[in-house]
C-alpha atoms as a PDB file:
ATOM      1  CA  MET A   1       0.379   0.795 -13.185  1.00  0.00           C
ATOM      2  CA  VAL A   2       1.408  -2.244 -14.912  1.00  0.00           C
ATOM      3  CA  HIS A   3       0.295  -3.957 -11.827  1.00  0.00           C
ATOM      4  CA  ALA A   4      -2.832  -2.327 -11.740  1.00  0.00           C
ATOM      5  CA  VAL A   5      -4.248  -3.321 -15.381  1.00  0.00           C
ATOM      6  CA  GLU A   6      -3.041  -6.742 -14.719  1.00  0.00           C
ATOM      7  CA  ALA A   7      -4.507  -6.634 -11.618  1.00  0.00           C
ATOM      8  CA  ALA A   8      -8.337  -5.200 -12.891  1.00  0.00           C
ATOM      9  CA  LYS A   9      -7.603  -8.343 -15.906  1.00  0.00           C
ATOM     10  CA  ARG A  10      -7.658 -10.841 -13.018  1.00  0.00           C
ATOM     11  CA  THR A  11     -10.562  -9.355 -11.027  1.00  0.00           C
ATOM     12  CA  LEU A  12     -12.458  -9.595 -14.442  1.00  0.00           C
ATOM     13  CA  GLN A  13     -12.552 -13.398 -13.665  1.00  0.00           C
ATOM     14  CA  HIS A  14     -13.936 -13.236 -10.372  1.00  0.00           C
ATOM     15  CA  PRO A  15     -17.386 -15.197  -9.903  1.00  0.00           C
ATOM     16  CA  SER A  16     -19.337 -12.676  -7.619  1.00  0.00           C
ATOM     17  CA  HIS A  17     -21.134  -9.613 -10.367  1.00  0.00           C
ATOM     18  CA  VAL A  18     -20.704  -7.007  -7.238  1.00  0.00           C
ATOM     19  CA  PRO A  19     -17.086  -8.195  -6.470  1.00  0.00           C
ATOM     20  CA  ARG A  20     -16.204  -8.287 -10.232  1.00  0.00           C
ATOM     21  CA  PHE A  21     -17.083  -4.878 -10.666  1.00  0.00           C
ATOM     22  CA  CYS A  22     -16.265  -2.852  -7.882  1.00  0.00           C
ATOM     23  CA  LEU A  23     -12.546  -4.305  -8.072  1.00  0.00           C
ATOM     24  CA  THR A  24     -12.318  -3.903 -11.865  1.00  0.00           C
ATOM     25  CA  VAL A  25     -13.800  -0.316 -11.697  1.00  0.00           C
ATOM     26  CA  SER A  26     -11.350   0.508  -8.546  1.00  0.00           C
ATOM     27  CA  ASN A  27      -8.101  -0.958 -10.518  1.00  0.00           C
ATOM     28  CA  VAL A  28      -8.944   1.125 -13.867  1.00  0.00           C
ATOM     29  CA  SER A  29      -9.258   4.021 -11.845  1.00  0.00           C
ATOM     30  CA  ARG A  30      -5.828   3.153 -10.336  1.00  0.00           C
ATOM     31  CA  VAL A  31      -4.293   2.850 -13.585  1.00  0.00           C
ATOM     32  CA  LEU A  32      -6.024   6.280 -14.931  1.00  0.00           C
ATOM     33  CA  TYR A  33      -4.468   7.773 -11.303  1.00  0.00           C
ATOM     34  CA  PHE A  34      -1.330   6.280 -12.310  1.00  0.00           C
ATOM     35  CA  ILE A  35      -1.423   7.918 -14.960  1.00  0.00           C
ATOM     36  CA  CYS A  36      -2.386  11.736 -13.909  1.00  0.00           C
ATOM     37  CA  ASP A  37       0.401  11.107 -11.483  1.00  0.00           C
ATOM     38  CA  THR A  38       3.040  10.515 -14.443  1.00  0.00           C
ATOM     39  CA  VAL A  39       1.910  13.661 -16.069  1.00  0.00           C
ATOM     40  CA  LEU A  40       2.501  15.783 -13.012  1.00  0.00           C
ATOM     41  CA  TRP A  41       5.915  13.578 -12.438  1.00  0.00           C
ATOM     42  CA  VAL A  42       6.653  14.621 -16.301  1.00  0.00           C
ATOM     43  CA  ARG A  43       5.912  18.574 -15.560  1.00  0.00           C
ATOM     44  CA  SER A  44       7.910  18.691 -11.981  1.00  0.00           C
ATOM     45  CA  ALA A  45      11.096  16.918 -13.961  1.00  0.00           C
ATOM     46  CA  GLY A  46      10.383  19.763 -16.774  1.00  0.00           C
ATOM     47  CA  LEU A  47      10.702  17.265 -19.426  1.00  0.00           C
ATOM     48  CA  VAL A  48       7.399  19.269 -21.095  1.00  0.00           C
ATOM     49  CA  SER A  49       5.698  22.672 -20.187  1.00  0.00           C
ATOM     50  CA  GLY A  50       2.312  23.848 -20.185  1.00  0.00           C
ATOM     51  CA  ILE A  51       0.696  21.051 -18.486  1.00  0.00           C
ATOM     52  CA  ASN A  52      -1.727  22.792 -15.737  1.00  0.00           C
ATOM     53  CA  LYS A  53      -0.490  21.321 -12.404  1.00  0.00           C
ATOM     54  CA  GLU A  54      -3.895  22.017 -10.757  1.00  0.00           C
ATOM     55  CA  LYS A  55      -6.066  20.279 -13.517  1.00  0.00           C
ATOM     56  CA  TRP A  56      -3.981  17.315 -13.198  1.00  0.00           C
ATOM     57  CA  ILE A  57      -4.191  17.054  -9.650  1.00  0.00           C
ATOM     58  CA  GLN A  58      -7.675  17.029  -9.682  1.00  0.00           C
ATOM     59  CA  TRP A  59      -8.032  14.498 -12.063  1.00  0.00           C
ATOM     60  CA  ALA A  60      -5.529  12.473 -10.088  1.00  0.00           C
ATOM     61  CA  THR A  61      -7.574  13.022  -6.631  1.00  0.00           C
ATOM     62  CA  ARG A  62     -10.630  12.549  -8.704  1.00  0.00           C
ATOM     63  CA  CYS A  63      -9.098   8.645  -9.608  1.00  0.00           C
ATOM     64  CA  TYR A  64      -8.150   7.683  -6.270  1.00  0.00           C
ATOM     65  CA  PHE A  65     -11.471   8.714  -4.559  1.00  0.00           C
ATOM     66  CA  TYR A  66     -13.596   6.417  -7.046  1.00  0.00           C
ATOM     67  CA  SER A  67     -10.967   3.811  -6.348  1.00  0.00           C
ATOM     68  CA  LEU A  68     -11.563   4.673  -2.594  1.00  0.00           C
ATOM     69  CA  LEU A  69     -15.266   4.364  -2.916  1.00  0.00           C
ATOM     70  CA  MET A  70     -15.447   1.202  -5.391  1.00  0.00           C
ATOM     71  CA  ASN A  71     -12.954  -0.293  -2.508  1.00  0.00           C
ATOM     72  CA  LEU A  72     -15.490   0.487  -0.080  1.00  0.00           C
ATOM     73  CA  ALA A  73     -18.225  -0.598  -2.145  1.00  0.00           C
ATOM     74  CA  ARG A  74     -16.487  -3.993  -2.372  1.00  0.00           C
ATOM     75  CA  ASP A  75     -16.080  -4.479   1.713  1.00  0.00           C
ATOM     76  CA  LEU A  76     -19.746  -3.010   2.541  1.00  0.00           C
ATOM     77  CA  TYR A  77     -21.075  -5.612  -0.094  1.00  0.00           C
ATOM     78  CA  GLU A  78     -18.512  -8.564   1.912  1.00  0.00           C
ATOM     79  CA  ILE A  79     -19.760  -7.296   4.942  1.00  0.00           C
ATOM     80  CA  LEU A  80     -23.559  -7.137   4.572  1.00  0.00           C
ATOM     81  CA  GLN A  81     -22.605 -10.990   3.131  1.00  0.00           C
ATOM     82  CA  ARG A  82     -21.247 -11.868   6.119  1.00  0.00           C
ATOM     83  CA  MET A  83     -23.957 -10.377   8.489  1.00  0.00           C
ATOM     84  CA  GLU A  84     -26.318 -12.284   6.285  1.00  0.00           C
ATOM     85  CA  GLN A  85     -24.117 -15.785   6.827  1.00  0.00           C
ATOM     86  CA  ASN A  86     -24.486 -15.209  10.371  1.00  0.00           C
ATOM     87  CA  THR A  87     -27.934 -14.393  10.437  1.00  0.00           C
ATOM     88  CA  GLN A  88     -28.849 -17.132   8.794  1.00  0.00           C
ATOM     89  CA  GLY A  89     -26.374 -19.388  10.667  1.00  0.00           C
ATOM     90  CA  LYS A  90     -27.779 -18.098  13.791  1.00  0.00           C
ATOM     91  CA  LYS A  91     -31.501 -18.739  12.866  1.00  0.00           C
ATOM     92  CA  THR A  92     -30.335 -22.799  11.978  1.00  0.00           C
ATOM     93  CA  LYS A  93     -28.694 -22.596  15.754  1.00  0.00           C
ATOM     94  CA  GLU A  94     -32.139 -21.466  16.953  1.00  0.00           C
ATOM     95  CA  GLU A  95     -34.243 -24.127  15.432  1.00  0.00           C
ATOM     96  CA  LEU A  96     -32.058 -26.603  17.210  1.00  0.00           C
ATOM     97  CA  TYR A  97     -33.214 -24.828  20.215  1.00  0.00           C
ATOM     98  CA  SER A  98     -36.021 -27.303  22.593  1.00  0.00           C
ATOM     99  CA  PRO A  99     -39.026 -25.193  22.426  1.00  0.00           C
ATOM    100  CA  ASN A 100     -39.723 -26.786  25.784  1.00  0.00           C
ATOM    101  CA  ASN A 101     -36.697 -25.082  27.859  1.00  0.00           C
ATOM    102  CA  GLN A 102     -37.487 -21.519  28.764  1.00  0.00           C
ATOM    103  CA  GLU A 103     -33.671 -20.327  28.979  1.00  0.00           C
ATOM    104  CA  GLN A 104     -32.719 -21.758  25.921  1.00  0.00           C
ATOM    105  CA  GLU A 105     -36.027 -19.930  24.380  1.00  0.00           C
ATOM    106  CA  LEU A 106     -35.144 -16.453  25.921  1.00  0.00           C
ATOM    107  CA  THR A 107     -31.254 -17.296  24.411  1.00  0.00           C
ATOM    108  CA  SER A 108     -33.124 -17.415  20.869  1.00  0.00           C
ATOM    109  CA  THR A 109     -35.460 -14.651  21.205  1.00  0.00           C
ATOM    110  CA  MET A 110     -32.300 -12.100  22.431  1.00  0.00           C
ATOM    111  CA  ILE A 111     -30.466 -13.851  18.995  1.00  0.00           C
ATOM    112  CA  THR A 112     -32.979 -12.628  16.828  1.00  0.00           C
ATOM    113  CA  PHE A 113     -33.325  -9.225  18.345  1.00  0.00           C
ATOM    114  CA  GLU A 114     -29.290  -8.334  18.422  1.00  0.00           C
ATOM    115  CA  SER A 115     -28.632  -5.303  17.529  1.00  0.00           C
ATOM    116  CA  PRO A 116     -27.452  -4.629  13.650  1.00  0.00           C
ATOM    117  CA  LEU A 117     -24.310  -3.219  15.125  1.00  0.00           C
ATOM    118  CA  PHE A 118     -23.297  -6.275  17.391  1.00  0.00           C
ATOM    119  CA  LEU A 119     -24.090  -8.218  14.050  1.00  0.00           C
ATOM    120  CA  LEU A 120     -21.838  -6.339  12.445  1.00  0.00           C
ATOM    121  CA  TYR A 121     -19.193  -6.596  15.135  1.00  0.00           C
ATOM    122  CA  TYR A 122     -19.696  -9.945  15.128  1.00  0.00           C
ATOM    123  CA  SER A 123     -19.105 -10.125  11.363  1.00  0.00           C
ATOM    124  CA  LEU A 124     -16.133  -8.169  11.553  1.00  0.00           C
ATOM    125  CA  LYS A 125     -14.630  -9.951  14.018  1.00  0.00           C
ATOM    126  CA  ASN A 126     -14.178 -12.937  12.451  1.00  0.00           C
ATOM    127  CA  GLN A 127     -12.784 -11.513   9.317  1.00  0.00           C
ATOM    128  CA  PRO A 128     -10.228  -9.661  10.685  1.00  0.00           C
ATOM    129  CA  SER A 129      -8.614  -8.525   6.779  1.00  0.00           C
ATOM    130  CA  LEU A 130     -11.851  -7.453   6.163  1.00  0.00           C
ATOM    131  CA  CYS A 131     -11.882  -4.989   9.234  1.00  0.00           C
ATOM    132  CA  LEU A 132      -8.456  -4.019   8.128  1.00  0.00           C
ATOM    133  CA  ASP A 133      -9.200  -3.358   4.725  1.00  0.00           C
ATOM    134  CA  MET A 134     -12.551  -1.118   5.610  1.00  0.00           C
ATOM    135  CA  VAL A 135     -10.443   0.631   8.393  1.00  0.00           C
ATOM    136  CA  LYS A 136      -7.781   1.235   5.585  1.00  0.00           C
ATOM    137  CA  ASN A 137      -9.880   3.172   3.209  1.00  0.00           C
ATOM    138  CA  LEU A 138     -11.939   4.832   5.217  1.00  0.00           C
ATOM    139  CA  CYS A 139      -8.813   6.530   6.435  1.00  0.00           C
ATOM    140  CA  ASP A 140      -7.550   6.900   2.956  1.00  0.00           C
ATOM    141  CA  LEU A 141     -10.308   8.541   1.727  1.00  0.00           C
ATOM    142  CA  PHE A 142     -10.523  11.949   3.870  1.00  0.00           C
ATOM    143  CA  GLY A 143      -7.656  12.862   2.074  1.00  0.00           C
ATOM    144  CA  PRO A 144      -9.424  13.075  -1.291  1.00  0.00           C
ATOM    145  CA  LEU A 145     -12.562  14.038  -0.108  1.00  0.00           C
ATOM    146  CA  ASP A 146     -10.306  17.516   1.495  1.00  0.00           C
ATOM    147  CA  LYS A 147      -8.244  17.913  -1.598  1.00  0.00           C
ATOM    148  CA  LEU A 148     -11.945  17.716  -3.593  1.00  0.00           C
ATOM    149  CA  GLY A 149     -13.426  20.297  -1.245  1.00  0.00           C
ATOM    150  CA  ILE A 150     -16.169  17.290  -0.746  1.00  0.00           C
ATOM    151  CA  TYR A 151     -15.601  17.351   3.681  1.00  0.00           C
ATOM    152  CA  LYS A 152     -12.845  19.631   4.507  1.00  0.00           C
ATOM    153  CA  THR A 153     -11.286  18.908   7.577  1.00  0.00           C
ATOM    154  CA  ASN A 154      -8.581  19.310   9.950  1.00  0.00           C
ATOM    155  CA  GLN A 155      -4.698  18.526   8.186  1.00  0.00           C
ATOM    156  CA  GLY A 156      -4.018  16.834  11.727  1.00  0.00           C
ATOM    157  CA  LEU A 157      -6.647  14.457  10.928  1.00  0.00           C
ATOM    158  CA  ILE A 158      -5.989  13.478   7.348  1.00  0.00           C
ATOM    159  CA  GLY A 159      -2.255  13.098   8.862  1.00  0.00           C
ATOM    160  CA  LEU A 160      -3.456  10.975  11.689  1.00  0.00           C
ATOM    161  CA  CYS A 161      -5.734   8.652   9.030  1.00  0.00           C
ATOM    162  CA  GLY A 162      -2.791   9.010   7.203  1.00  0.00           C
ATOM    163  CA  LEU A 163      -0.136   7.449   9.837  1.00  0.00           C
ATOM    164  CA  LEU A 164      -2.648   4.795  10.716  1.00  0.00           C
ATOM    165  CA  SER A 165      -3.572   3.533   7.039  1.00  0.00           C
ATOM    166  CA  SER A 166      -0.506   3.321   6.452  1.00  0.00           C
ATOM    167  CA  LEU A 167       0.525   0.910   9.391  1.00  0.00           C
ATOM    168  CA  VAL A 168      -2.619  -0.783   8.706  1.00  0.00           C
ATOM    169  CA  GLY A 169      -0.684  -1.414   5.256  1.00  0.00           C
ATOM    170  CA  ILE A 170       2.439  -2.490   6.598  1.00  0.00           C
ATOM    171  CA  LEU A 171       1.015  -4.581   9.329  1.00  0.00           C
ATOM    172  CA  THR A 172      -1.344  -6.751   6.685  1.00  0.00           C
ATOM    173  CA  VAL A 173       1.880  -6.773   4.152  1.00  0.00           C
ATOM    174  CA  ALA A 174       4.210  -8.468   7.821  1.00  0.00           C
ATOM    175  CA  ILE A 175       1.176 -10.857   8.155  1.00  0.00           C
ATOM    176  CA  PRO A 176      -0.167 -11.780   4.775  1.00  0.00           C
ATOM    177  CA  GLN A 177      -3.356 -13.584   6.356  1.00  0.00           C
ATOM    178  CA  LEU A 178      -4.567 -10.422   7.408  1.00  0.00           C
ATOM    179  CA  GLN A 179      -4.335  -8.864   3.426  1.00  0.00           C
ATOM    180  CA  LEU A 180      -8.259  -9.228   2.022  1.00  0.00           C
ATOM    181  CA  LYS A 181      -8.658 -11.375  -1.005  1.00  0.00           C
END
C-alpha cells in the first residue's frame, strides 16, 4: 500500500496532463483496493467480526477495475501519441520524395492511405513495453468485468488471461527494458 501511495505522489510530477491524471487516479484506486483487501484480511483472520465480506469484495473489485481502466486510458493515450508521431514522420518523408519519380510517388500514396491497423501495428512494434503493458492490462480486465457482472465470461478464459498477464509481468521483471516508464 505504501508503494501505491508513493507512486501516486510521483505521478503528480508527470509533465504531461493526461498521463498524470490517469496514473494518479490509477494509483489512488490501487491504494483504495489495498485498503479493501486489508479489511477483508482482517475479517478472514478473525480479528474483527461483523464485516460484510461481499460488500468489501465488490468495493475491492471496483477499485481494481478503475485502476485498470485508468492504466488502459494511459496506454491508449500513449499509443495515439505514437501513431500521431509516426503519421507526422511519414508526411515529412513523403515531402522528401521527388514528384518526378512515379514509383516513389506511388509509395508515398500507399503510405498516406495505409490502414489505421497497420499504423497501430507499426507504432506498437516500435514500443514493445507499451504493447506488453496494454496486453497485461487487457488480460487483467476480464476478472473484474466478470466479478462485477459487466461482462460474464468463462472461468477458463479468465484463468488463461491471468496466466498470460502473469507471464508478461514476469517477462517485464526479467527484462527491465520492457517495463513501461
